[in-house]
Amino acid sequence: MIISRNEIEELSQKLKAEGKKIVFTNGCFDILHSGHVFYLQKAKQQGDILVLGLNSDASVRRLKGEKRPVNSEEDRAIVISELKSIDFVVIFEEDTPQEIISIIVPDILVKGGDYKKEDVVGKEVVEKNGGDVVIIPFVDGKSTTNIINRINE
């Protein structure tokens, strides 16, 4: 389900009151591939509810360049929200998910294998509140950039 930034705080408080373990991850998810699916399945296994922070179009452009994203934030949100591992998708405008993590305060913060635990944005918020940061290895050879490069060739 796609939810607004305004709804996420109340939702996270409600889920915590119900005793649910909230997992958060984030990314651009521009062209969905099997590596994403594997990663999100592993993220979901870390708790009860998986909230995905999705970079807005403007945020993706700042991070990846003017030719990105290939798919609009609305299209990306619709596609990724339909994966069975995803419970909620919330779009954020900033370059990092720091603010949205501070609002949700997830129990588990998940990032991909290109990150070191100590470099994960939001780590301090999560750990200060008794949560943990989990790094999930990437699937070799699976990346949106590789797919775009193959198309361009």
N, C-alpha and C. Protein backbone atom coordinates (compact mmCIF):
# COMPACT_ATOMS: atom_id res chain seq x y z
N MET A 1 0.85 -1.17 0.00
CA MET A 1 0.00 0.00 0.00
C MET A 1 0.90 1.25 0.00
N ILE A 2 0.53 2.19 -0.81
CA ILE A 2 1.26 3.45 -0.88
C ILE A 2 0.60 4.41 0.12
N ILE A 3 1.43 4.97 1.01
CA ILE A 3 0.89 5.89 2.00
C ILE A 3 1.66 7.21 1.93
N SER A 4 1.01 8.25 2.40
CA SER A 4 1.66 9.57 2.37
C SER A 4 2.60 9.72 3.56
N ARG A 5 3.48 10.66 3.42
CA ARG A 5 4.41 11.00 4.50
C ARG A 5 3.64 11.39 5.76
N ASN A 6 2.51 12.08 5.60
CA ASN A 6 1.69 12.51 6.74
C ASN A 6 1.10 11.32 7.50
N GLU A 7 0.83 10.24 6.79
CA GLU A 7 0.21 9.06 7.41
C GLU A 7 1.22 8.15 8.11
N ILE A 8 2.50 8.24 7.75
CA ILE A 8 3.47 7.25 8.21
C ILE A 8 3.73 7.31 9.71
N GLU A 9 3.72 8.50 10.31
CA GLU A 9 3.99 8.60 11.75
C GLU A 9 2.91 7.92 12.56
N GLU A 10 1.66 8.24 12.26
CA GLU A 10 0.53 7.63 12.97
C GLU A 10 0.51 6.12 12.75
N LEU A 11 0.77 5.70 11.52
CA LEU A 11 0.77 4.28 11.20
C LEU A 11 1.86 3.54 12.00
N SER A 12 3.05 4.09 12.04
CA SER A 12 4.14 3.41 12.74
C SER A 12 3.85 3.32 14.25
N GLN A 13 3.26 4.36 14.82
CA GLN A 13 2.89 4.32 16.23
C GLN A 13 1.83 3.24 16.49
N LYS A 14 0.86 3.14 15.59
CA LYS A 14 -0.20 2.13 15.71
C LYS A 14 0.39 0.73 15.63
N LEU A 15 1.27 0.50 14.66
CA LEU A 15 1.87 -0.82 14.49
C LEU A 15 2.71 -1.21 15.70
N LYS A 16 3.47 -0.26 16.23
CA LYS A 16 4.29 -0.54 17.42
C LYS A 16 3.40 -0.86 18.62
N ALA A 17 2.28 -0.14 18.76
CA ALA A 17 1.35 -0.40 19.86
C ALA A 17 0.76 -1.81 19.76
N GLU A 18 0.66 -2.31 18.53
CA GLU A 18 0.17 -3.67 18.30
C GLU A 18 1.28 -4.72 18.48
N GLY A 19 2.49 -4.25 18.81
CA GLY A 19 3.60 -5.17 19.02
C GLY A 19 4.29 -5.64 17.75
N LYS A 20 4.04 -4.94 16.65
CA LYS A 20 4.65 -5.31 15.36
C LYS A 20 6.09 -4.81 15.29
N LYS A 21 6.95 -5.62 14.71
CA LYS A 21 8.35 -5.26 14.49
C LYS A 21 8.45 -4.64 13.10
N ILE A 22 8.81 -3.35 13.05
CA ILE A 22 8.85 -2.61 11.79
C ILE A 22 10.26 -2.64 11.20
N VAL A 23 10.32 -3.02 9.94
CA VAL A 23 11.57 -3.02 9.17
C VAL A 23 11.46 -1.90 8.15
N PHE A 24 12.56 -1.17 7.96
CA PHE A 24 12.59 -0.09 6.97
C PHE A 24 13.77 -0.29 6.04
N THR A 25 13.54 -0.07 4.77
CA THR A 25 14.61 0.04 3.80
C THR A 25 14.22 1.13 2.82
N ASN A 26 15.17 1.50 1.97
CA ASN A 26 14.87 2.58 1.03
C ASN A 26 15.70 2.42 -0.24
N GLY A 27 15.30 3.16 -1.26
CA GLY A 27 16.05 3.16 -2.50
C GLY A 27 15.26 3.77 -3.63
N CYS A 28 15.88 3.74 -4.81
CA CYS A 28 15.27 4.30 -6.02
C CYS A 28 14.36 3.30 -6.72
N PHE A 29 14.80 2.05 -6.80
CA PHE A 29 14.03 0.97 -7.42
C PHE A 29 13.47 1.40 -8.78
N ASP A 30 14.38 1.89 -9.62
CA ASP A 30 13.99 2.49 -10.89
C ASP A 30 13.52 1.44 -11.90
N ILE A 31 14.32 0.42 -12.11
CA ILE A 31 13.90 -0.70 -12.96
C ILE A 31 13.99 -1.93 -12.07
N LEU A 32 12.85 -2.46 -11.70
CA LEU A 32 12.81 -3.58 -10.77
C LEU A 32 13.38 -4.84 -11.41
N HIS A 33 14.24 -5.54 -10.69
CA HIS A 33 14.84 -6.78 -11.19
C HIS A 33 14.91 -7.81 -10.06
N SER A 34 15.35 -9.02 -10.39
CA SER A 34 15.35 -10.12 -9.42
C SER A 34 16.23 -9.83 -8.21
N GLY A 35 17.30 -9.07 -8.38
CA GLY A 35 18.12 -8.70 -7.24
C GLY A 35 17.33 -7.90 -6.22
N HIS A 36 16.48 -6.99 -6.69
CA HIS A 36 15.61 -6.22 -5.80
C HIS A 36 14.66 -7.16 -5.06
N VAL A 37 14.05 -8.08 -5.80
CA VAL A 37 13.07 -8.99 -5.21
C VAL A 37 13.73 -9.82 -4.10
N PHE A 38 14.91 -10.37 -4.37
CA PHE A 38 15.64 -11.15 -3.37
C PHE A 38 15.94 -10.30 -2.14
N TYR A 39 16.46 -9.11 -2.36
CA TYR A 39 16.80 -8.19 -1.28
C TYR A 39 15.57 -7.87 -0.42
N LEU A 40 14.45 -7.57 -1.05
CA LEU A 40 13.25 -7.19 -0.32
C LEU A 40 12.65 -8.38 0.43
N GLN A 41 12.77 -9.58 -0.12
CA GLN A 41 12.32 -10.78 0.60
C GLN A 41 13.14 -10.96 1.87
N LYS A 42 14.45 -10.79 1.77
CA LYS A 42 15.33 -10.91 2.93
C LYS A 42 15.04 -9.81 3.96
N ALA A 43 14.76 -8.61 3.48
CA ALA A 43 14.41 -7.51 4.39
C ALA A 43 13.14 -7.84 5.15
N LYS A 44 12.14 -8.33 4.47
CA LYS A 44 10.85 -8.66 5.10
C LYS A 44 11.01 -9.72 6.18
N GLN A 45 11.95 -10.63 5.98
CA GLN A 45 12.19 -11.70 6.96
C GLN A 45 12.73 -11.17 8.30
N GLN A 46 13.14 -9.93 8.33
CA GLN A 46 13.72 -9.35 9.54
C GLN A 46 12.67 -8.92 10.57
N GLY A 47 11.39 -8.87 10.16
CA GLY A 47 10.35 -8.40 11.08
C GLY A 47 8.96 -8.70 10.57
N ASP A 48 7.99 -7.94 11.06
CA ASP A 48 6.58 -8.17 10.71
C ASP A 48 6.10 -7.31 9.56
N ILE A 49 6.52 -6.04 9.55
CA ILE A 49 6.03 -5.06 8.59
C ILE A 49 7.23 -4.45 7.88
N LEU A 50 7.20 -4.46 6.54
CA LEU A 50 8.28 -3.83 5.76
C LEU A 50 7.78 -2.54 5.15
N VAL A 51 8.41 -1.45 5.57
CA VAL A 51 8.12 -0.12 5.01
C VAL A 51 9.28 0.23 4.08
N LEU A 52 8.95 0.60 2.86
CA LEU A 52 9.96 0.98 1.89
C LEU A 52 9.88 2.47 1.62
N GLY A 53 10.98 3.17 1.87
CA GLY A 53 11.09 4.58 1.53
C GLY A 53 11.58 4.68 0.10
N LEU A 54 10.81 5.30 -0.76
CA LEU A 54 11.12 5.41 -2.18
C LEU A 54 11.57 6.83 -2.52
N ASN A 55 12.76 6.95 -3.10
CA ASN A 55 13.24 8.27 -3.51
C ASN A 55 12.29 8.87 -4.55
N SER A 56 11.94 10.13 -4.37
CA SER A 56 11.12 10.84 -5.36
C SER A 56 11.91 11.01 -6.65
N ASP A 57 11.25 11.42 -7.71
CA ASP A 57 11.93 11.65 -9.00
C ASP A 57 13.04 12.69 -8.85
N ALA A 58 12.77 13.78 -8.15
CA ALA A 58 13.77 14.84 -7.97
C ALA A 58 14.98 14.30 -7.20
N SER A 59 14.73 13.50 -6.19
CA SER A 59 15.80 12.91 -5.40
C SER A 59 16.65 11.96 -6.25
N VAL A 60 16.01 11.15 -7.07
CA VAL A 60 16.74 10.23 -7.95
C VAL A 60 17.62 11.01 -8.93
N ARG A 61 17.08 12.08 -9.50
CA ARG A 61 17.86 12.90 -10.44
C ARG A 61 19.11 13.46 -9.77
N ARG A 62 18.96 13.94 -8.54
CA ARG A 62 20.12 14.48 -7.82
C ARG A 62 21.15 13.40 -7.53
N LEU A 63 20.69 12.21 -7.25
CA LEU A 63 21.61 11.11 -6.89
C LEU A 63 22.20 10.39 -8.10
N LYS A 64 21.39 10.23 -9.17
CA LYS A 64 21.80 9.36 -10.29
C LYS A 64 22.06 10.11 -11.60
N GLY A 65 21.66 11.38 -11.65
CA GLY A 65 21.87 12.15 -12.87
C GLY A 65 20.57 12.49 -13.59
N GLU A 66 20.68 13.41 -14.53
CA GLU A 66 19.50 13.98 -15.21
C GLU A 66 18.70 12.96 -16.04
N LYS A 67 19.32 11.86 -16.45
CA LYS A 67 18.60 10.87 -17.27
C LYS A 67 17.82 9.87 -16.43
N ARG A 68 17.89 10.02 -15.14
CA ARG A 68 17.19 9.11 -14.25
C ARG A 68 16.17 9.89 -13.44
N PRO A 69 15.11 9.31 -13.00
CA PRO A 69 14.77 7.90 -13.16
C PRO A 69 14.20 7.60 -14.54
N VAL A 70 14.24 6.34 -14.90
CA VAL A 70 13.63 5.89 -16.14
C VAL A 70 12.11 5.86 -15.95
N ASN A 71 11.68 5.39 -14.80
CA ASN A 71 10.25 5.31 -14.47
C ASN A 71 9.90 6.36 -13.42
N SER A 72 8.71 6.92 -13.52
CA SER A 72 8.28 7.97 -12.59
C SER A 72 8.09 7.41 -11.18
N GLU A 73 8.11 8.30 -10.20
CA GLU A 73 7.91 7.86 -8.82
C GLU A 73 6.57 7.18 -8.64
N GLU A 74 5.54 7.66 -9.32
CA GLU A 74 4.22 7.04 -9.23
C GLU A 74 4.27 5.62 -9.77
N ASP A 75 4.88 5.43 -10.96
CA ASP A 75 4.98 4.10 -11.54
C ASP A 75 5.83 3.17 -10.67
N ARG A 76 6.96 3.69 -10.17
CA ARG A 76 7.83 2.88 -9.31
C ARG A 76 7.10 2.47 -8.04
N ALA A 77 6.35 3.40 -7.44
CA ALA A 77 5.61 3.11 -6.21
C ALA A 77 4.53 2.06 -6.45
N ILE A 78 3.82 2.17 -7.56
CA ILE A 78 2.76 1.20 -7.87
C ILE A 78 3.35 -0.20 -8.04
N VAL A 79 4.41 -0.30 -8.83
CA VAL A 79 5.00 -1.61 -9.11
C VAL A 79 5.55 -2.24 -7.82
N ILE A 80 6.33 -1.49 -7.08
CA ILE A 80 6.98 -2.07 -5.90
C ILE A 80 5.99 -2.36 -4.78
N SER A 81 4.93 -1.57 -4.70
CA SER A 81 3.93 -1.81 -3.64
C SER A 81 3.17 -3.12 -3.86
N GLU A 82 3.20 -3.64 -5.06
CA GLU A 82 2.50 -4.88 -5.35
C GLU A 82 3.32 -6.13 -5.05
N LEU A 83 4.59 -5.97 -4.69
CA LEU A 83 5.39 -7.12 -4.28
C LEU A 83 4.87 -7.61 -2.93
N LYS A 84 4.76 -8.92 -2.76
CA LYS A 84 4.17 -9.43 -1.52
C LYS A 84 5.03 -9.16 -0.29
N SER A 85 6.31 -8.89 -0.48
CA SER A 85 7.17 -8.59 0.68
C SER A 85 6.97 -7.17 1.21
N ILE A 86 6.38 -6.29 0.43
CA ILE A 86 6.22 -4.89 0.80
C ILE A 86 4.86 -4.65 1.44
N ASP A 87 4.88 -4.04 2.62
CA ASP A 87 3.61 -3.69 3.28
C ASP A 87 3.22 -2.25 2.98
N PHE A 88 4.19 -1.33 3.05
CA PHE A 88 3.90 0.08 2.82
C PHE A 88 5.03 0.73 2.05
N VAL A 89 4.68 1.65 1.16
CA VAL A 89 5.64 2.47 0.42
C VAL A 89 5.34 3.92 0.75
N VAL A 90 6.41 4.65 1.09
CA VAL A 90 6.28 6.08 1.33
C VAL A 90 7.37 6.79 0.52
N ILE A 91 6.98 7.79 -0.23
CA ILE A 91 7.92 8.53 -1.09
C ILE A 91 8.53 9.67 -0.27
N PHE A 92 9.86 9.84 -0.41
CA PHE A 92 10.52 10.95 0.27
C PHE A 92 11.30 11.79 -0.73
N GLU A 93 11.36 13.10 -0.47
CA GLU A 93 11.95 14.08 -1.39
C GLU A 93 13.44 14.32 -1.17
N GLU A 94 13.91 14.07 0.04
CA GLU A 94 15.29 14.39 0.40
C GLU A 94 16.26 13.43 -0.29
N ASP A 95 17.55 13.75 -0.22
CA ASP A 95 18.56 12.86 -0.79
C ASP A 95 18.78 11.62 0.05
N THR A 96 18.51 11.72 1.35
CA THR A 96 18.64 10.57 2.24
C THR A 96 17.31 10.36 2.98
N PRO A 97 17.14 9.16 3.53
CA PRO A 97 15.90 8.88 4.27
C PRO A 97 15.97 9.26 5.75
N GLN A 98 16.95 10.06 6.14
CA GLN A 98 17.15 10.39 7.56
C GLN A 98 15.86 10.88 8.23
N GLU A 99 15.18 11.83 7.59
CA GLU A 99 13.98 12.41 8.19
C GLU A 99 12.87 11.38 8.34
N ILE A 100 12.66 10.58 7.32
CA ILE A 100 11.59 9.58 7.36
C ILE A 100 11.90 8.49 8.38
N ILE A 101 13.18 8.14 8.52
CA ILE A 101 13.60 7.17 9.54
C ILE A 101 13.34 7.74 10.93
N SER A 102 13.60 9.03 11.11
CA SER A 102 13.36 9.69 12.39
C SER A 102 11.87 9.73 12.74
N ILE A 103 11.04 9.75 11.74
CA ILE A 103 9.59 9.74 11.96
C ILE A 103 9.11 8.33 12.31
N ILE A 104 9.57 7.33 11.56
CA ILE A 104 9.12 5.95 11.74
C ILE A 104 9.78 5.29 12.94
N VAL A 105 11.07 5.54 13.14
CA VAL A 105 11.90 4.88 14.14
C VAL A 105 11.70 3.35 14.06
N PRO A 106 12.15 2.77 12.95
CA PRO A 106 11.95 1.32 12.76
C PRO A 106 12.78 0.50 13.75
N ASP A 107 12.35 -0.74 13.94
CA ASP A 107 13.08 -1.67 14.80
C ASP A 107 14.32 -2.19 14.09
N ILE A 108 14.19 -2.36 12.77
CA ILE A 108 15.29 -2.87 11.95
C ILE A 108 15.43 -1.96 10.73
N LEU A 109 16.66 -1.55 10.47
CA LEU A 109 16.99 -0.75 9.29
C LEU A 109 17.84 -1.62 8.38
N VAL A 110 17.39 -1.82 7.14
CA VAL A 110 18.07 -2.73 6.21
C VAL A 110 18.65 -1.95 5.04
N LYS A 111 19.89 -2.29 4.69
CA LYS A 111 20.54 -1.72 3.49
C LYS A 111 21.25 -2.84 2.75
N GLY A 112 21.59 -2.54 1.50
CA GLY A 112 22.26 -3.52 0.64
C GLY A 112 23.74 -3.61 0.90
N GLY A 113 24.34 -4.63 0.32
CA GLY A 113 25.73 -4.99 0.54
C GLY A 113 26.76 -3.96 0.14
N ASP A 114 26.36 -2.89 -0.54
CA ASP A 114 27.33 -1.84 -0.88
C ASP A 114 27.53 -0.86 0.28
N TYR A 115 26.86 -1.10 1.39
CA TYR A 115 26.99 -0.24 2.57
C TYR A 115 27.74 -0.96 3.69
N LYS A 116 28.44 -0.17 4.48
CA LYS A 116 29.01 -0.65 5.74
C LYS A 116 28.05 -0.19 6.83
N LYS A 117 27.86 -1.03 7.81
CA LYS A 117 26.90 -0.73 8.87
C LYS A 117 27.09 0.67 9.46
N GLU A 118 28.35 1.05 9.67
CA GLU A 118 28.62 2.34 10.31
C GLU A 118 28.30 3.54 9.42
N ASP A 119 28.11 3.30 8.11
CA ASP A 119 27.83 4.39 7.17
C ASP A 119 26.35 4.53 6.83
N VAL A 120 25.51 3.68 7.37
CA VAL A 120 24.09 3.68 7.01
C VAL A 120 23.39 4.89 7.62
N VAL A 121 22.73 5.67 6.78
CA VAL A 121 21.95 6.83 7.23
C VAL A 121 20.80 6.34 8.11
N GLY A 122 20.66 6.95 9.27
CA GLY A 122 19.60 6.59 10.20
C GLY A 122 20.02 5.60 11.26
N LYS A 123 21.23 5.09 11.15
CA LYS A 123 21.75 4.10 12.10
C LYS A 123 21.62 4.57 13.54
N GLU A 124 22.01 5.82 13.81
CA GLU A 124 21.99 6.34 15.18
C GLU A 124 20.58 6.36 15.75
N VAL A 125 19.61 6.79 14.95
CA VAL A 125 18.21 6.85 15.40
C VAL A 125 17.72 5.45 15.78
N VAL A 126 17.99 4.50 14.91
CA VAL A 126 17.51 3.13 15.12
C VAL A 126 18.18 2.49 16.33
N GLU A 127 19.50 2.59 16.41
CA GLU A 127 20.22 1.95 17.51
C GLU A 127 19.94 2.63 18.85
N LYS A 128 19.77 3.96 18.84
CA LYS A 128 19.46 4.70 20.07
C LYS A 128 18.13 4.24 20.67
N ASN A 129 17.24 3.75 19.80
CA ASN A 129 15.92 3.29 20.24
C ASN A 129 15.84 1.78 20.37
N GLY A 130 17.01 1.12 20.44
CA GLY A 130 17.03 -0.33 20.68
C GLY A 130 16.93 -1.20 19.44
N GLY A 131 16.98 -0.59 18.27
CA GLY A 131 16.89 -1.35 17.03
C GLY A 131 18.24 -1.76 16.51
N ASP A 132 18.24 -2.34 15.31
CA ASP A 132 19.47 -2.84 14.72
C ASP A 132 19.52 -2.51 13.23
N VAL A 133 20.74 -2.47 12.71
CA VAL A 133 20.98 -2.27 11.28
C VAL A 133 21.44 -3.60 10.70
N VAL A 134 20.82 -4.01 9.60
CA VAL A 134 21.14 -5.28 8.94
C VAL A 134 21.57 -4.99 7.51
N ILE A 135 22.71 -5.56 7.12
CA ILE A 135 23.20 -5.43 5.75
C ILE A 135 22.93 -6.74 5.02
N ILE A 136 22.25 -6.65 3.88
CA ILE A 136 21.91 -7.83 3.07
C ILE A 136 22.78 -7.82 1.82
N PRO A 137 23.50 -8.90 1.57
CA PRO A 137 24.38 -8.94 0.39
C PRO A 137 23.60 -8.79 -0.92
N PHE A 138 24.25 -8.16 -1.88
CA PHE A 138 23.68 -8.03 -3.21
C PHE A 138 23.75 -9.36 -3.96
N VAL A 139 22.88 -9.52 -4.95
CA VAL A 139 22.97 -10.63 -5.88
C VAL A 139 23.92 -10.19 -6.99
N ASP A 140 25.00 -10.95 -7.18
CA ASP A 140 26.00 -10.58 -8.18
C ASP A 140 25.39 -10.39 -9.57
N GLY A 141 25.81 -9.32 -10.23
CA GLY A 141 25.41 -9.06 -11.61
C GLY A 141 24.03 -8.47 -11.79
N LYS A 142 23.34 -8.20 -10.70
CA LYS A 142 21.98 -7.65 -10.79
C LYS A 142 22.01 -6.19 -10.36
N SER A 143 21.85 -5.29 -11.32
CA SER A 143 21.77 -3.88 -10.98
C SER A 143 21.03 -3.12 -12.06
N THR A 144 20.32 -2.09 -11.64
CA THR A 144 19.59 -1.25 -12.59
C THR A 144 20.56 -0.58 -13.56
N THR A 145 21.69 -0.12 -13.07
CA THR A 145 22.69 0.52 -13.94
C THR A 145 23.17 -0.44 -15.02
N ASN A 146 23.41 -1.70 -14.66
CA ASN A 146 23.82 -2.70 -15.66
C ASN A 146 22.74 -2.91 -16.71
N ILE A 147 21.50 -2.95 -16.28
CA ILE A 147 20.38 -3.13 -17.22
C ILE A 147 20.31 -1.95 -18.18
N ILE A 148 20.41 -0.74 -17.65
CA ILE A 148 20.35 0.46 -18.49
C ILE A 148 21.53 0.48 -19.47
N ASN A 149 22.71 0.12 -19.00
CA ASN A 149 23.88 0.06 -19.90
C ASN A 149 23.69 -0.94 -21.01
N ARG A 150 23.12 -2.11 -20.71
CA ARG A 150 22.87 -3.11 -21.76
C ARG A 150 21.86 -2.60 -22.78
N ILE A 151 20.82 -1.93 -22.31
CA ILE A 151 19.82 -1.36 -23.23
C ILE A 151 20.47 -0.33 -24.14
N ASN A 152 21.30 0.52 -23.57
CA ASN A 152 21.95 1.58 -24.35
C ASN A 152 22.95 1.05 -25.37
N GLU A 153 23.51 -0.13 -25.09
CA GLU A 153 24.45 -0.72 -26.04
C GLU A 153 23.71 -1.23 -27.25
